[in-house]
Amino acid sequence: MANATPVAKPASPSRDREPKETPPRELDGQDRTLLQELLADGRASHRELAERTGFSLATVNRRIRSLEADQVIRGYTALVDPEAVGWTLTAVIGLRIDKGYVRSVHEKISSDPRIFGVYDVTGEWDGLVLVRLRDREDLDDLVKTTLSLAHIQRTNTMVVLKTVLEKAIVNVPDAR
């Protein structure tokens, strides 16, 4: 996906808080309908979307531009089978990180192409990392390089035996 990556500010060892975010855009029924149609077929033209939804072409064009500008739609991408391109092993890794360094560690490890998810979480771990790897040797390399950075105290690696459910699509919830 073509997401813009924010410029990272140096993490302060004493504070590790995220800046306040603006509230998400309120989606109306037309926005939700267009998003659901795009999730079903991301290659649909604006004309096709207008035909499917009953909205005018001008409405579809305006709303999609607005959804893109507001970063509700962050990009367009192909859904690729990870195993078909060589990622045969998936793992979930818990990280224990020194206090005050969570954000900086998350930012540093995010550049590794084998890592497809980094989450700041509550509970026993300070971060959860989702990785796709070629094989066990690739996992060994990841743990001994990227996940051996300063301020990472401990890792807990869970190798995925079987993927039961993995959605690459974000469902659009109904309005409240």
C-alpha atoms as a PDB file:
ATOM      1  CA  MET A   1       0.000   0.000   0.000  1.00  0.00           C
ATOM      2  CA  ALA A   2       1.193   3.491  -0.725  1.00  0.00           C
ATOM      3  CA  ASN A   3       0.992   4.871   2.795  1.00  0.00           C
ATOM      4  CA  ALA A   4       2.838   8.022   3.669  1.00  0.00           C
ATOM      5  CA  THR A   5       5.209   7.296   6.528  1.00  0.00           C
ATOM      6  CA  PRO A   6       5.320  10.088   9.102  1.00  0.00           C
ATOM      7  CA  VAL A   7       8.715  11.570   9.845  1.00  0.00           C
ATOM      8  CA  ALA A   8       9.948  10.017  13.078  1.00  0.00           C
ATOM      9  CA  LYS A   9      10.896  12.275  15.952  1.00  0.00           C
ATOM     10  CA  PRO A  10      13.602  11.015  18.292  1.00  0.00           C
ATOM     11  CA  ALA A  11      12.049   9.121  21.167  1.00  0.00           C
ATOM     12  CA  SER A  12      12.562  10.544  24.588  1.00  0.00           C
ATOM     13  CA  PRO A  13      13.717   7.930  27.073  1.00  0.00           C
ATOM     14  CA  SER A  14      11.507   9.473  29.751  1.00  0.00           C
ATOM     15  CA  ARG A  15       8.318   9.758  27.679  1.00  0.00           C
ATOM     16  CA  ASP A  16       6.891   7.365  25.144  1.00  0.00           C
ATOM     17  CA  ARG A  17       3.438   8.766  24.416  1.00  0.00           C
ATOM     18  CA  GLU A  18       1.803   9.141  21.039  1.00  0.00           C
ATOM     19  CA  PRO A  19       0.733  12.643  20.005  1.00  0.00           C
ATOM     20  CA  LYS A  20      -3.009  13.308  20.124  1.00  0.00           C
ATOM     21  CA  GLU A  21      -4.710  12.374  16.890  1.00  0.00           C
ATOM     22  CA  THR A  22      -7.561  14.130  15.178  1.00  0.00           C
ATOM     23  CA  PRO A  23     -10.837  12.220  15.424  1.00  0.00           C
ATOM     24  CA  PRO A  24     -11.589   9.977  12.447  1.00  0.00           C
ATOM     25  CA  ARG A  25     -13.807  11.283   9.701  1.00  0.00           C
ATOM     26  CA  GLU A  26     -17.497  10.522  10.150  1.00  0.00           C
ATOM     27  CA  LEU A  27     -18.631   8.226   7.351  1.00  0.00           C
ATOM     28  CA  ASP A  28     -22.153   8.520   6.000  1.00  0.00           C
ATOM     29  CA  GLY A  29     -24.155   5.902   4.126  1.00  0.00           C
ATOM     30  CA  GLN A  30     -22.773   6.863   0.710  1.00  0.00           C
ATOM     31  CA  ASP A  31     -19.188   6.671   1.967  1.00  0.00           C
ATOM     32  CA  ARG A  32     -19.835   3.246   3.474  1.00  0.00           C
ATOM     33  CA  THR A  33     -21.487   1.979   0.299  1.00  0.00           C
ATOM     34  CA  LEU A  34     -18.573   3.127  -1.858  1.00  0.00           C
ATOM     35  CA  LEU A  35     -16.039   1.602   0.538  1.00  0.00           C
ATOM     36  CA  GLN A  36     -17.882  -1.726   0.575  1.00  0.00           C
ATOM     37  CA  GLU A  37     -17.967  -1.752  -3.234  1.00  0.00           C
ATOM     38  CA  LEU A  38     -14.243  -0.961  -3.430  1.00  0.00           C
ATOM     39  CA  LEU A  39     -13.464  -3.695  -0.909  1.00  0.00           C
ATOM     40  CA  ALA A  40     -15.390  -6.162  -3.077  1.00  0.00           C
ATOM     41  CA  ASP A  41     -13.615  -4.969  -6.252  1.00  0.00           C
ATOM     42  CA  GLY A  42     -10.741  -2.538  -5.815  1.00  0.00           C
ATOM     43  CA  ARG A  43     -10.250  -2.390  -9.586  1.00  0.00           C
ATOM     44  CA  ALA A  44     -13.756  -1.096 -10.311  1.00  0.00           C
ATOM     45  CA  SER A  45     -13.821   2.136 -12.295  1.00  0.00           C
ATOM     46  CA  HIS A  46     -15.670   5.148 -10.976  1.00  0.00           C
ATOM     47  CA  ARG A  47     -18.235   4.619 -13.738  1.00  0.00           C
ATOM     48  CA  GLU A  48     -18.794   1.014 -12.600  1.00  0.00           C
ATOM     49  CA  LEU A  49     -19.119   2.172  -8.995  1.00  0.00           C
ATOM     50  CA  ALA A  50     -21.716   4.744 -10.050  1.00  0.00           C
ATOM     51  CA  GLU A  51     -23.710   2.059 -11.876  1.00  0.00           C
ATOM     52  CA  ARG A  52     -23.541  -0.384  -8.958  1.00  0.00           C
ATOM     53  CA  THR A  53     -24.471   2.160  -6.294  1.00  0.00           C
ATOM     54  CA  GLY A  54     -26.916   4.352  -8.202  1.00  0.00           C
ATOM     55  CA  PHE A  55     -24.839   7.438  -7.338  1.00  0.00           C
ATOM     56  CA  SER A  56     -23.952   9.940 -10.026  1.00  0.00           C
ATOM     57  CA  LEU A  57     -20.470   9.720 -11.511  1.00  0.00           C
ATOM     58  CA  ALA A  58     -19.704  13.192 -10.115  1.00  0.00           C
ATOM     59  CA  THR A  59     -20.713  12.038  -6.607  1.00  0.00           C
ATOM     60  CA  VAL A  60     -18.499   8.939  -6.869  1.00  0.00           C
ATOM     61  CA  ASN A  61     -15.537  11.007  -8.110  1.00  0.00           C
ATOM     62  CA  ARG A  62     -15.936  13.649  -5.387  1.00  0.00           C
ATOM     63  CA  ARG A  63     -16.438  11.190  -2.550  1.00  0.00           C
ATOM     64  CA  ILE A  64     -13.545   8.935  -3.515  1.00  0.00           C
ATOM     65  CA  ARG A  65     -11.216  11.951  -3.832  1.00  0.00           C
ATOM     66  CA  SER A  66     -12.398  13.094  -0.405  1.00  0.00           C
ATOM     67  CA  LEU A  67     -11.928   9.627   1.136  1.00  0.00           C
ATOM     68  CA  GLU A  68      -8.402   9.525  -0.304  1.00  0.00           C
ATOM     69  CA  ALA A  69      -7.559  13.062   0.878  1.00  0.00           C
ATOM     70  CA  ASP A  70      -8.782  12.207   4.395  1.00  0.00           C
ATOM     71  CA  GLN A  71      -6.685   9.001   4.347  1.00  0.00           C
ATOM     72  CA  VAL A  72      -9.743   6.792   4.802  1.00  0.00           C
ATOM     73  CA  ILE A  73      -8.593   5.169   1.558  1.00  0.00           C
ATOM     74  CA  ARG A  74      -4.830   4.947   2.036  1.00  0.00           C
ATOM     75  CA  GLY A  75      -3.957   3.302  -1.259  1.00  0.00           C
ATOM     76  CA  TYR A  76      -4.747   0.492  -3.659  1.00  0.00           C
ATOM     77  CA  THR A  77      -2.914  -2.809  -3.781  1.00  0.00           C
ATOM     78  CA  ALA A  78      -3.029  -6.389  -5.065  1.00  0.00           C
ATOM     79  CA  LEU A  79      -3.691  -9.188  -2.583  1.00  0.00           C
ATOM     80  CA  VAL A  80      -0.758 -11.575  -3.020  1.00  0.00           C
ATOM     81  CA  ASP A  81      -0.507 -15.119  -1.652  1.00  0.00           C
ATOM     82  CA  PRO A  82       2.551 -14.991   0.673  1.00  0.00           C
ATOM     83  CA  GLU A  83       3.510 -18.624   0.027  1.00  0.00           C
ATOM     84  CA  ALA A  84       3.376 -18.121  -3.743  1.00  0.00           C
ATOM     85  CA  VAL A  85       6.140 -15.506  -3.458  1.00  0.00           C
ATOM     86  CA  GLY A  86       8.318 -17.462  -1.021  1.00  0.00           C
ATOM     87  CA  TRP A  87       7.101 -16.536   2.473  1.00  0.00           C
ATOM     88  CA  THR A  88       6.499 -20.056   3.798  1.00  0.00           C
ATOM     89  CA  LEU A  89       6.747 -19.367   7.534  1.00  0.00           C
ATOM     90  CA  THR A  90       4.692 -16.959   9.646  1.00  0.00           C
ATOM     91  CA  ALA A  91       5.424 -16.081  13.252  1.00  0.00           C
ATOM     92  CA  VAL A  92       4.053 -13.842  15.994  1.00  0.00           C
ATOM     93  CA  ILE A  93       6.735 -12.424  18.260  1.00  0.00           C
ATOM     94  CA  GLY A  94       6.218 -10.743  21.620  1.00  0.00           C
ATOM     95  CA  LEU A  95       8.762  -8.072  22.581  1.00  0.00           C
ATOM     96  CA  ARG A  96       9.734  -6.829  26.037  1.00  0.00           C
ATOM     97  CA  ILE A  97      11.308  -3.379  25.584  1.00  0.00           C
ATOM     98  CA  ASP A  98      13.103  -1.059  28.001  1.00  0.00           C
ATOM     99  CA  LYS A  99      10.827   1.613  29.436  1.00  0.00           C
ATOM    100  CA  GLY A 100      10.878   4.772  27.351  1.00  0.00           C
ATOM    101  CA  TYR A 101      12.147   3.088  24.181  1.00  0.00           C
ATOM    102  CA  VAL A 102       9.009   1.394  22.868  1.00  0.00           C
ATOM    103  CA  ARG A 103       8.359   3.859  20.051  1.00  0.00           C
ATOM    104  CA  SER A 104      11.983   4.025  18.883  1.00  0.00           C
ATOM    105  CA  VAL A 105      12.342   0.218  18.860  1.00  0.00           C
ATOM    106  CA  HIS A 106       9.048  -0.166  16.976  1.00  0.00           C
ATOM    107  CA  GLU A 107      10.199   2.373  14.385  1.00  0.00           C
ATOM    108  CA  LYS A 108      13.616   0.696  13.933  1.00  0.00           C
ATOM    109  CA  ILE A 109      12.265  -2.820  13.416  1.00  0.00           C
ATOM    110  CA  SER A 110       9.492  -1.632  11.094  1.00  0.00           C
ATOM    111  CA  SER A 111      11.983  -1.192   8.261  1.00  0.00           C
ATOM    112  CA  ASP A 112      12.690  -4.934   8.022  1.00  0.00           C
ATOM    113  CA  PRO A 113      10.808  -6.263   4.948  1.00  0.00           C
ATOM    114  CA  ARG A 114       9.993  -9.532   6.711  1.00  0.00           C
ATOM    115  CA  ILE A 115       7.931  -7.669   9.299  1.00  0.00           C
ATOM    116  CA  PHE A 116       4.375  -6.919   8.174  1.00  0.00           C
ATOM    117  CA  GLY A 117       2.847  -5.819  11.467  1.00  0.00           C
ATOM    118  CA  VAL A 118       4.132  -4.027  14.567  1.00  0.00           C
ATOM    119  CA  TYR A 119       1.670  -3.386  17.386  1.00  0.00           C
ATOM    120  CA  ASP A 120       2.011  -1.442  20.630  1.00  0.00           C
ATOM    121  CA  VAL A 121      -0.050  -3.545  23.045  1.00  0.00           C
ATOM    122  CA  THR A 122      -1.125  -3.847  26.651  1.00  0.00           C
ATOM    123  CA  GLY A 123      -0.337  -6.844  28.822  1.00  0.00           C
ATOM    124  CA  GLU A 124       2.820  -8.885  29.305  1.00  0.00           C
ATOM    125  CA  TRP A 125       4.535  -7.639  26.134  1.00  0.00           C
ATOM    126  CA  ASP A 126       5.381  -4.121  24.985  1.00  0.00           C
ATOM    127  CA  GLY A 127       4.968  -5.019  21.347  1.00  0.00           C
ATOM    128  CA  LEU A 128       3.733  -7.755  19.071  1.00  0.00           C
ATOM    129  CA  VAL A 129       5.404  -8.296  15.737  1.00  0.00           C
ATOM    130  CA  LEU A 130       3.963 -10.267  12.819  1.00  0.00           C
ATOM    131  CA  VAL A 131       6.543 -11.669  10.435  1.00  0.00           C
ATOM    132  CA  ARG A 132       6.655 -13.628   7.208  1.00  0.00           C
ATOM    133  CA  LEU A 133       9.830 -15.566   6.558  1.00  0.00           C
ATOM    134  CA  ARG A 134      11.313 -17.846   3.926  1.00  0.00           C
ATOM    135  CA  ASP A 135      12.244 -20.626   6.377  1.00  0.00           C
ATOM    136  CA  ARG A 136      13.625 -21.369   9.865  1.00  0.00           C
ATOM    137  CA  GLU A 137      17.055 -20.014   8.922  1.00  0.00           C
ATOM    138  CA  ASP A 138      15.384 -16.707   8.012  1.00  0.00           C
ATOM    139  CA  LEU A 139      13.665 -16.695  11.430  1.00  0.00           C
ATOM    140  CA  ASP A 140      17.019 -17.360  13.095  1.00  0.00           C
ATOM    141  CA  ASP A 141      18.542 -14.416  11.219  1.00  0.00           C
ATOM    142  CA  LEU A 142      15.644 -12.096  12.141  1.00  0.00           C
ATOM    143  CA  VAL A 143      15.864 -12.947  15.842  1.00  0.00           C
ATOM    144  CA  LYS A 144      19.660 -12.584  15.934  1.00  0.00           C
ATOM    145  CA  THR A 145      19.776  -9.307  13.991  1.00  0.00           C
ATOM    146  CA  THR A 146      16.667  -7.131  13.878  1.00  0.00           C
ATOM    147  CA  LEU A 147      15.216  -8.412  17.145  1.00  0.00           C
ATOM    148  CA  SER A 148      18.540  -8.182  19.008  1.00  0.00           C
ATOM    149  CA  LEU A 149      18.657  -4.388  18.943  1.00  0.00           C
ATOM    150  CA  ALA A 150      19.530  -2.368  22.023  1.00  0.00           C
ATOM    151  CA  HIS A 151      16.599  -1.935  24.414  1.00  0.00           C
ATOM    152  CA  ILE A 152      14.890  -5.212  23.425  1.00  0.00           C
ATOM    153  CA  GLN A 153      15.087  -7.162  26.684  1.00  0.00           C
ATOM    154  CA  ARG A 154      13.364 -10.357  25.617  1.00  0.00           C
ATOM    155  CA  THR A 155      11.416 -11.954  22.783  1.00  0.00           C
ATOM    156  CA  ASN A 156       8.877 -14.772  22.690  1.00  0.00           C
ATOM    157  CA  THR A 157       8.461 -16.349  19.257  1.00  0.00           C
ATOM    158  CA  MET A 158       5.356 -18.293  18.320  1.00  0.00           C
ATOM    159  CA  VAL A 159       5.547 -20.049  14.945  1.00  0.00           C
ATOM    160  CA  VAL A 160       2.210 -20.304  13.162  1.00  0.00           C
ATOM    161  CA  LEU A 161       1.415 -23.951  12.431  1.00  0.00           C
ATOM    162  CA  LYS A 162      -1.716 -23.306  10.393  1.00  0.00           C
ATOM    163  CA  THR A 163      -3.454 -20.111   9.324  1.00  0.00           C
ATOM    164  CA  VAL A 164      -7.117 -20.542  10.183  1.00  0.00           C
ATOM    165  CA  LEU A 165      -8.227 -17.009   9.266  1.00  0.00           C
ATOM    166  CA  GLU A 166      -6.307 -14.075   7.869  1.00  0.00           C
ATOM    167  CA  LYS A 167      -8.194 -11.171   6.378  1.00  0.00           C
ATOM    168  CA  ALA A 168      -6.390  -8.584   4.320  1.00  0.00           C
ATOM    169  CA  ILE A 169      -9.566  -6.531   4.062  1.00  0.00           C
ATOM    170  CA  VAL A 170     -10.900  -4.121   6.661  1.00  0.00           C
ATOM    171  CA  ASN A 171     -14.632  -4.549   7.040  1.00  0.00           C
ATOM    172  CA  VAL A 172     -16.646  -1.318   7.076  1.00  0.00           C
ATOM    173  CA  PRO A 173     -18.796  -1.364  10.228  1.00  0.00           C
ATOM    174  CA  ASP A 174     -22.380  -0.178  10.124  1.00  0.00           C
ATOM    175  CA  ALA A 175     -23.076   3.308  11.414  1.00  0.00           C
ATOM    176  CA  ARG A 176     -23.844   3.494  15.121  1.00  0.00           C
END
